[in-house]
Amino acid sequence: MSPLWLLTLLLALSQALPFEQKGFWDFTLDDGLLMMNDEEASGSDTTSGVPDLDSVTPTFSAMCPFGCHCHLRVVQCSDLGLKTVPKEISPDTTLLDLQNNDISELRKDDFKGLQHLYALVLVNNKISKIHEKAFSPLRKLQKLYISKNHLVEIPPNLPSSLVELRIHDNRIRKVPKGVFSGLRNMNCIEMGGNPLENSGFEPGAFDGLKLNYLRISEAKLTGIPKDLPETLNELHLDHNKIQAIELEDLLRYSKLYRLGLGHNQIRMIENGSLSFLPTLRELHLDNNKLSRVPAGLPDLKLLQVVYLHSNNITKVGINDFCPMGFGVKRAYYNGISLFNNPVPYWEVQPATFRCVTDRLAIQFGNYKK
């Protein structure tokens, strides 16, 4: 069996998510060059985004937990009804899959000796307690998937080598200051599906992080959090209770190229709010309560995709999307969705979409009262 099997399994696990998000390939495919480049750029001294395939050779070790499947450096112990982390895991293991079990606690020595572990999958267990030193031996861990458990707090003392943390669908209500301290290599956090309110983020909770991707969907946010990392390229806050975007809400997020605010209760976007997003390429505002196209879209020279379907928009002006001068917009639109709005589309002037690549990129109609 080819050594590439290791990468195939890791990629499959990375994509087996309880949500569907287009564009997340930036991080699920980091086994190629993207994550590796991020780490090199940050001066990371950990292993690259890909295990060293030159050293991945059969160990012929007799150490394999009962009922598990072990090959090369992958130990797969999923769907076994395990109540604890199994013993007799080979110390050269690179990927440990423990998803879909009944593990309720991570103890101090559960991962003792696993200093080469690159990815740990604990999705869909019953974990509610983690010893403060449980992750201490995992000096090379880069991917921790611990979603769909019973955690009420971010695990303490996460490995400094960590690049990707998926902790969605738990019971976390608070993100205290310092919980991510020392995680200078982290660039992706998925923490949606937790009952987080705006007040649950302590000031400075994300201090020191240089994230590219953050998702806090399906929570209880009523506004855009003020203190998220300035380095973000993608921010997804869909399925919350956000009601408005005020002038300075997006001030610190000038590096965003994808912003997800769909399935909220947004009625108002203050004029000038979007001007702080000069590199924005994709904007999701579908399934809200907007009565007009947000002001400022023509000034976003790189914007290519706008989702505005399922709102209360009744009118589309000739200059709502495109700038008035030629050559001002650097990237033409390739997607504008306006369906399921009470817009009399036969009244919209064709020149409204003069900066769209193709008329098939415009979606109208299907409005039901």
Protein backbone atom coordinates (compact mmCIF):
# COMPACT_ATOMS: atom_id res chain seq x y z
CA MET A 1 0.00 0.00 0.00
CA SER A 2 1.37 3.41 -0.96
CA PRO A 3 2.68 5.76 1.72
CA LEU A 4 0.27 8.30 0.26
CA TRP A 5 -2.47 6.34 2.05
CA LEU A 6 -1.55 8.27 5.20
CA LEU A 7 -2.28 11.58 3.53
CA THR A 8 -5.50 10.25 2.01
CA LEU A 9 -6.83 9.18 5.40
CA LEU A 10 -5.82 12.45 7.04
CA LEU A 11 -7.53 14.45 4.31
CA ALA A 12 -10.69 12.34 4.64
CA LEU A 13 -10.81 12.96 8.37
CA SER A 14 -10.24 16.66 7.85
CA GLN A 15 -13.22 16.84 5.49
CA ALA A 16 -15.61 14.74 7.60
CA LEU A 17 -17.25 17.73 9.23
CA PRO A 18 -20.73 18.24 10.68
CA PHE A 19 -21.12 21.41 8.59
CA GLU A 20 -20.64 22.28 4.96
CA GLN A 21 -18.58 25.34 4.11
CA LYS A 22 -17.40 26.20 0.64
CA GLY A 23 -14.00 27.75 0.67
CA PHE A 24 -12.73 25.78 3.62
CA TRP A 25 -10.41 23.91 1.26
CA ASP A 26 -7.79 26.49 2.18
CA PHE A 27 -7.31 24.57 5.38
CA THR A 28 -8.50 21.05 4.69
CA LEU A 29 -6.01 20.77 1.85
CA ASP A 30 -3.10 22.05 3.84
CA ASP A 31 -1.43 18.71 3.32
CA GLY A 32 -0.29 20.31 0.10
CA LEU A 33 1.51 23.62 0.10
CA LEU A 34 -0.88 26.09 1.71
CA MET A 35 -0.45 25.25 5.38
CA MET A 36 3.21 24.49 4.87
CA ASN A 37 3.74 27.92 3.35
CA ASP A 38 1.91 29.57 6.24
CA GLU A 39 4.14 27.84 8.73
CA GLU A 40 7.31 28.67 6.84
CA ALA A 41 6.26 32.28 6.62
CA SER A 42 5.64 32.42 10.35
CA GLY A 43 9.04 30.93 11.08
CA SER A 44 7.56 27.85 12.67
CA ASP A 45 10.11 25.39 13.93
CA THR A 46 7.60 22.56 14.10
CA THR A 47 7.21 19.90 11.49
CA SER A 48 5.73 21.01 8.16
CA GLY A 49 2.05 20.64 7.30
CA VAL A 50 2.80 17.16 5.94
CA PRO A 51 4.40 14.25 7.80
CA ASP A 52 7.85 13.43 6.47
CA LEU A 53 6.97 10.74 3.95
CA ASP A 54 10.61 9.78 3.55
CA SER A 55 10.57 8.52 7.11
CA VAL A 56 7.13 6.91 6.95
CA THR A 57 8.06 3.26 6.61
CA PRO A 58 6.48 0.15 8.09
CA THR A 59 7.60 -0.30 11.67
CA PHE A 60 6.31 -3.88 12.00
CA SER A 61 5.61 -2.98 15.62
CA ALA A 62 3.51 -5.45 17.57
CA MET A 63 2.02 -2.50 19.47
CA CYS A 64 -1.55 -2.05 18.32
CA PRO A 65 -4.50 -1.64 20.71
CA PHE A 66 -7.02 -4.46 20.67
CA GLY A 67 -9.69 -3.96 18.02
CA CYS A 68 -7.85 -1.10 16.33
CA HIS A 69 -6.34 -1.00 12.85
CA CYS A 70 -2.69 0.01 12.64
CA HIS A 71 -0.69 0.62 9.50
CA LEU A 72 2.51 2.56 9.09
CA ARG A 73 2.06 5.32 11.65
CA VAL A 74 -1.73 5.51 11.61
CA VAL A 75 -3.75 4.04 14.49
CA GLN A 76 -7.49 3.87 13.83
CA CYS A 77 -9.66 3.10 16.85
CA SER A 78 -12.96 4.67 15.83
CA ASP A 79 -16.44 3.22 16.43
CA LEU A 80 -15.34 0.71 19.07
CA GLY A 81 -17.34 1.87 22.10
CA LEU A 82 -14.12 2.77 23.93
CA LYS A 83 -14.57 4.45 27.32
CA THR A 84 -10.90 5.41 27.74
CA VAL A 85 -7.94 6.13 25.49
CA PRO A 86 -6.40 2.74 24.72
CA LYS A 87 -2.94 1.70 25.86
CA GLU A 88 -0.18 0.12 23.79
CA ILE A 89 -0.13 2.83 21.14
CA SER A 90 3.15 2.83 19.26
CA PRO A 91 5.31 5.85 20.19
CA ASP A 92 5.97 6.63 16.51
CA THR A 93 2.24 7.08 15.76
CA THR A 94 1.52 10.11 13.58
CA LEU A 95 -2.29 9.99 13.37
CA LEU A 96 -4.57 8.69 16.13
CA ASP A 97 -8.26 8.34 15.30
CA LEU A 98 -10.55 7.89 18.33
CA GLN A 99 -13.76 9.37 16.96
CA ASN A 100 -17.24 7.95 17.60
CA ASN A 101 -16.49 6.33 20.96
CA ASP A 102 -17.68 6.83 24.55
CA ILE A 103 -14.57 8.45 26.02
CA SER A 104 -15.57 10.87 28.80
CA GLU A 105 -12.21 11.99 30.17
CA LEU A 106 -8.66 12.63 28.99
CA ARG A 107 -6.25 11.75 31.77
CA LYS A 108 -2.73 12.92 32.49
CA ASP A 109 -0.88 9.98 30.92
CA ASP A 110 -3.32 9.03 28.15
CA PHE A 111 -0.94 10.27 25.44
CA LYS A 112 2.34 9.61 27.22
CA GLY A 113 5.17 8.86 24.81
CA LEU A 114 3.31 10.03 21.68
CA GLN A 115 5.77 12.79 20.94
CA HIS A 116 5.49 12.28 17.15
CA LEU A 117 1.70 12.62 16.96
CA TYR A 118 0.64 15.02 14.19
CA ALA A 119 -3.17 14.68 14.26
CA LEU A 120 -5.53 13.63 17.05
CA VAL A 121 -9.19 12.95 16.24
CA LEU A 122 -11.60 12.81 19.19
CA VAL A 123 -14.81 13.86 17.44
CA ASN A 124 -18.15 12.58 18.75
CA ASN A 125 -17.23 11.24 22.15
CA LYS A 126 -18.52 12.27 25.60
CA ILE A 127 -15.47 14.17 26.78
CA SER A 128 -16.28 16.61 29.60
CA LYS A 129 -13.01 16.63 31.51
CA ILE A 130 -9.41 17.09 30.34
CA HIS A 131 -6.44 16.98 32.69
CA GLU A 132 -4.32 20.12 32.49
CA LYS A 133 -1.30 18.03 31.43
CA ALA A 134 -3.10 15.62 29.11
CA PHE A 135 -1.61 17.19 25.97
CA SER A 136 1.85 17.87 27.41
CA PRO A 137 3.59 14.95 25.62
CA LEU A 138 2.23 16.02 22.20
CA ARG A 139 5.04 18.37 21.25
CA LYS A 140 4.45 18.00 17.49
CA LEU A 141 0.65 17.96 17.41
CA GLN A 142 -0.71 20.23 14.69
CA LYS A 143 -4.33 19.12 14.29
CA LEU A 144 -6.74 18.61 17.18
CA TYR A 145 -10.31 17.66 16.31
CA ILE A 146 -12.40 17.49 19.48
CA SER A 147 -15.82 18.55 18.21
CA LYS A 148 -19.16 17.09 19.29
CA ASN A 149 -18.24 16.44 22.90
CA HIS A 150 -19.41 17.79 26.27
CA LEU A 151 -16.71 20.38 26.92
CA VAL A 152 -17.70 23.52 28.84
CA GLU A 153 -14.34 25.28 28.37
CA ILE A 154 -11.42 25.49 25.95
CA PRO A 155 -8.91 22.79 26.99
CA PRO A 156 -6.03 24.21 29.02
CA ASN A 157 -2.37 24.08 27.99
CA LEU A 158 -2.85 23.26 24.32
CA PRO A 159 0.37 22.25 22.52
CA SER A 160 2.31 25.24 21.20
CA SER A 161 2.77 23.38 17.89
CA LEU A 162 -0.99 23.40 17.22
CA VAL A 163 -2.05 24.77 13.82
CA GLU A 164 -5.71 23.76 13.62
CA LEU A 165 -8.31 23.43 16.40
CA ARG A 166 -11.84 22.19 15.77
CA ILE A 167 -13.95 22.37 18.88
CA HIS A 168 -17.42 23.06 17.51
CA ASP A 169 -20.62 21.54 18.92
CA ASN A 170 -19.62 21.52 22.57
CA ARG A 171 -21.03 23.46 25.54
CA ILE A 172 -18.52 26.27 25.76
CA ARG A 173 -19.90 29.60 27.03
CA LYS A 174 -16.72 31.49 27.81
CA VAL A 175 -13.38 32.18 26.12
CA PRO A 176 -11.09 33.59 28.82
CA LYS A 177 -8.06 35.77 28.27
CA GLY A 178 -4.87 33.76 27.91
CA VAL A 179 -6.49 30.47 26.91
CA PHE A 180 -4.68 30.61 23.55
CA SER A 181 -1.45 32.00 24.97
CA GLY A 182 1.69 30.71 23.27
CA LEU A 183 -0.10 29.28 20.23
CA ARG A 184 1.92 31.27 17.71
CA ASN A 185 1.48 28.62 14.97
CA MET A 186 -2.32 28.47 15.14
CA ASN A 187 -4.08 29.67 12.00
CA CYS A 188 -7.49 27.94 12.05
CA ILE A 189 -10.14 27.69 14.77
CA GLU A 190 -13.62 26.25 14.28
CA MET A 191 -15.72 26.86 17.39
CA GLY A 192 -19.29 27.10 16.08
CA GLY A 193 -22.21 25.30 17.66
CA ASN A 194 -21.33 26.48 21.17
CA PRO A 195 -23.70 28.67 23.27
CA LEU A 196 -21.32 31.65 23.07
CA GLU A 197 -22.64 35.17 23.59
CA ASN A 198 -20.68 38.36 22.94
CA SER A 199 -20.08 38.74 26.66
CA GLY A 200 -18.49 35.30 26.72
CA PHE A 201 -15.31 36.60 25.07
CA GLU A 202 -13.07 38.21 27.63
CA PRO A 203 -11.04 41.22 26.39
CA GLY A 204 -7.77 39.88 25.01
CA ALA A 205 -9.10 36.34 24.58
CA PHE A 206 -7.43 36.08 21.16
CA ASP A 207 -4.29 38.04 22.00
CA GLY A 208 -1.19 36.69 20.28
CA LEU A 209 -3.06 34.61 17.70
CA LYS A 210 -2.40 35.15 14.00
CA LEU A 211 -5.41 33.30 12.64
CA ASN A 212 -6.34 33.05 8.98
CA TYR A 213 -9.70 31.34 9.57
CA LEU A 214 -12.24 31.65 12.38
CA ARG A 215 -15.77 30.29 12.50
CA ILE A 216 -18.21 31.07 15.33
CA SER A 217 -21.45 30.01 13.68
CA GLU A 218 -24.62 28.68 15.33
CA ALA A 219 -23.89 30.51 18.56
CA LYS A 220 -25.74 33.32 20.36
CA LEU A 221 -23.91 36.37 19.08
CA THR A 222 -25.93 39.57 18.76
CA GLY A 223 -23.12 41.60 17.18
CA ILE A 224 -19.75 41.20 15.51
CA PRO A 225 -17.13 40.51 18.21
CA LYS A 226 -14.77 43.47 18.63
CA ASP A 227 -11.56 41.78 19.65
CA LEU A 228 -10.85 39.07 17.08
CA PRO A 229 -7.41 38.71 15.43
CA GLU A 230 -6.59 41.39 12.87
CA THR A 231 -4.90 38.79 10.66
CA LEU A 232 -8.15 37.03 9.68
CA ASN A 233 -8.72 36.22 6.01
CA GLU A 234 -11.98 34.36 6.65
CA LEU A 235 -14.58 35.10 9.31
CA HIS A 236 -17.81 33.10 9.48
CA LEU A 237 -20.52 34.26 11.89
CA ASP A 238 -23.51 32.68 10.18
CA HIS A 239 -26.56 31.37 12.07
CA ASN A 240 -26.37 33.82 14.95
CA LYS A 241 -28.63 36.66 16.15
CA ILE A 242 -26.70 39.63 14.79
CA GLN A 243 -29.10 42.52 14.13
CA ALA A 244 -26.91 45.28 12.71
CA ILE A 245 -23.44 46.14 11.43
CA GLU A 246 -22.31 49.46 12.85
CA LEU A 247 -19.67 51.74 11.43
CA GLU A 248 -16.63 50.45 13.32
CA ASP A 249 -17.62 46.80 13.71
CA LEU A 250 -15.30 45.74 10.87
CA LEU A 251 -12.59 48.33 11.43
CA ARG A 252 -9.87 45.90 12.52
CA TYR A 253 -10.59 43.21 9.94
CA SER A 254 -9.09 44.85 6.86
CA LYS A 255 -7.46 41.62 5.64
CA LEU A 256 -10.73 39.72 5.20
CA TYR A 257 -11.39 38.21 1.79
CA ARG A 258 -14.42 36.14 2.85
CA LEU A 259 -17.06 37.27 5.36
CA GLY A 260 -20.02 35.06 6.28
CA LEU A 261 -23.01 36.72 7.95
CA GLY A 262 -25.83 34.65 6.51
CA HIS A 263 -28.80 33.45 8.57
CA ASN A 264 -28.80 36.29 11.07
CA GLN A 265 -31.32 39.05 11.79
CA ILE A 266 -29.46 41.94 10.17
CA ARG A 267 -31.73 44.86 9.28
CA MET A 268 -29.18 47.62 8.96
CA ILE A 269 -25.63 48.01 7.67
CA GLU A 270 -24.37 51.48 8.48
CA ASN A 271 -22.98 53.49 5.58
CA GLY A 272 -19.21 53.19 5.42
CA SER A 273 -19.05 49.91 7.36
CA LEU A 274 -17.80 47.92 4.38
CA SER A 275 -15.14 50.46 3.45
CA PHE A 276 -12.80 48.86 5.99
CA LEU A 277 -12.67 45.66 3.89
CA PRO A 278 -10.60 46.63 0.81
CA THR A 279 -9.57 43.04 -0.02
CA LEU A 280 -13.01 41.45 0.37
CA ARG A 281 -13.85 38.95 -2.37
CA GLU A 282 -16.91 37.15 -1.03
CA LEU A 283 -19.74 38.49 1.13
CA HIS A 284 -22.56 36.36 2.55
CA LEU A 285 -25.61 38.34 3.75
CA ASP A 286 -28.33 35.90 2.73
CA ASN A 287 -31.27 35.02 4.98
CA ASN A 288 -31.36 38.30 6.88
CA LYS A 289 -33.85 41.18 7.06
CA LEU A 290 -32.21 43.76 4.80
CA SER A 291 -34.56 46.07 2.93
CA ARG A 292 -31.93 47.43 0.54
CA VAL A 293 -28.63 46.50 -1.07
CA PRO A 294 -25.85 47.50 1.36
CA ALA A 295 -24.14 50.77 0.54
CA GLY A 296 -20.50 50.67 -0.46
CA LEU A 297 -20.40 47.55 -2.64
CA PRO A 298 -19.21 49.47 -5.75
CA ASP A 299 -16.15 50.64 -3.81
CA LEU A 300 -14.98 47.08 -3.07
CA LYS A 301 -12.74 46.67 -6.10
CA LEU A 302 -12.01 42.96 -5.54
CA LEU A 303 -15.51 41.82 -4.59
CA GLN A 304 -16.66 38.96 -6.83
CA VAL A 305 -19.48 37.15 -4.98
CA VAL A 306 -22.40 38.66 -3.04
CA TYR A 307 -25.17 36.57 -1.47
CA LEU A 308 -28.25 38.69 -0.75
CA HIS A 309 -31.01 36.17 -1.30
CA SER A 310 -33.85 35.66 1.18
CA ASN A 311 -33.99 39.22 2.51
CA ASN A 312 -36.63 41.97 2.25
CA ILE A 313 -35.00 43.94 -0.57
CA THR A 314 -37.62 45.75 -2.66
CA LYS A 315 -35.46 47.81 -5.00
CA VAL A 316 -32.12 47.49 -6.81
CA GLY A 317 -30.54 50.73 -8.03
CA ILE A 318 -28.44 51.12 -11.13
CA ASN A 319 -25.31 51.90 -9.08
CA ASP A 320 -25.85 49.47 -6.19
CA PHE A 321 -23.18 47.01 -7.35
CA CYS A 322 -20.95 48.61 -9.97
CA PRO A 323 -18.80 51.76 -9.83
CA MET A 324 -19.70 54.57 -12.17
CA GLY A 325 -16.35 54.79 -13.98
CA PHE A 326 -14.72 52.25 -16.28
CA GLY A 327 -11.60 50.41 -15.14
CA VAL A 328 -12.27 51.18 -11.48
CA LYS A 329 -13.27 47.64 -10.48
CA ARG A 330 -10.30 45.27 -10.62
CA ALA A 331 -12.36 42.05 -10.50
CA TYR A 332 -15.77 41.57 -12.10
CA TYR A 333 -18.58 39.82 -10.25
CA ASN A 334 -19.09 36.16 -11.01
CA GLY A 335 -22.01 35.68 -8.62
CA ILE A 336 -24.84 37.90 -7.32
CA SER A 337 -27.81 36.20 -5.66
CA LEU A 338 -30.99 38.21 -5.16
CA PHE A 339 -33.63 35.50 -5.37
CA ASN A 340 -36.39 35.27 -2.78
CA ASN A 341 -36.58 39.04 -2.37
CA PRO A 342 -39.67 41.16 -3.19
CA VAL A 343 -37.81 42.87 -6.04
CA PRO A 344 -39.78 43.57 -9.24
CA TYR A 345 -36.92 42.25 -11.32
CA TRP A 346 -38.46 43.45 -14.59
CA GLU A 347 -37.86 47.01 -13.36
CA VAL A 348 -34.13 46.49 -12.75
CA GLN A 349 -32.11 48.17 -15.49
CA PRO A 350 -29.63 45.97 -17.40
CA ALA A 351 -26.84 48.49 -16.73
CA THR A 352 -27.12 47.63 -13.04
CA PHE A 353 -25.00 44.56 -13.75
CA ARG A 354 -22.51 46.12 -16.16
CA CYS A 355 -19.58 44.79 -14.11
CA VAL A 356 -20.79 41.17 -14.00
CA THR A 357 -18.95 38.56 -16.07
CA ASP A 358 -22.07 36.79 -17.32
CA ARG A 359 -25.80 37.33 -16.91
CA LEU A 360 -26.09 33.73 -15.71
CA ALA A 361 -24.17 34.84 -12.64
CA ILE A 362 -27.22 36.85 -11.52
CA GLN A 363 -29.96 35.01 -9.64
CA PHE A 364 -33.43 36.56 -9.36
CA GLY A 365 -36.99 35.43 -8.70
CA ASN A 366 -38.72 32.74 -6.62
CA TYR A 367 -40.17 35.16 -4.10
CA LYS A 368 -43.04 33.90 -1.96
CA LYS A 369 -44.99 36.07 0.45
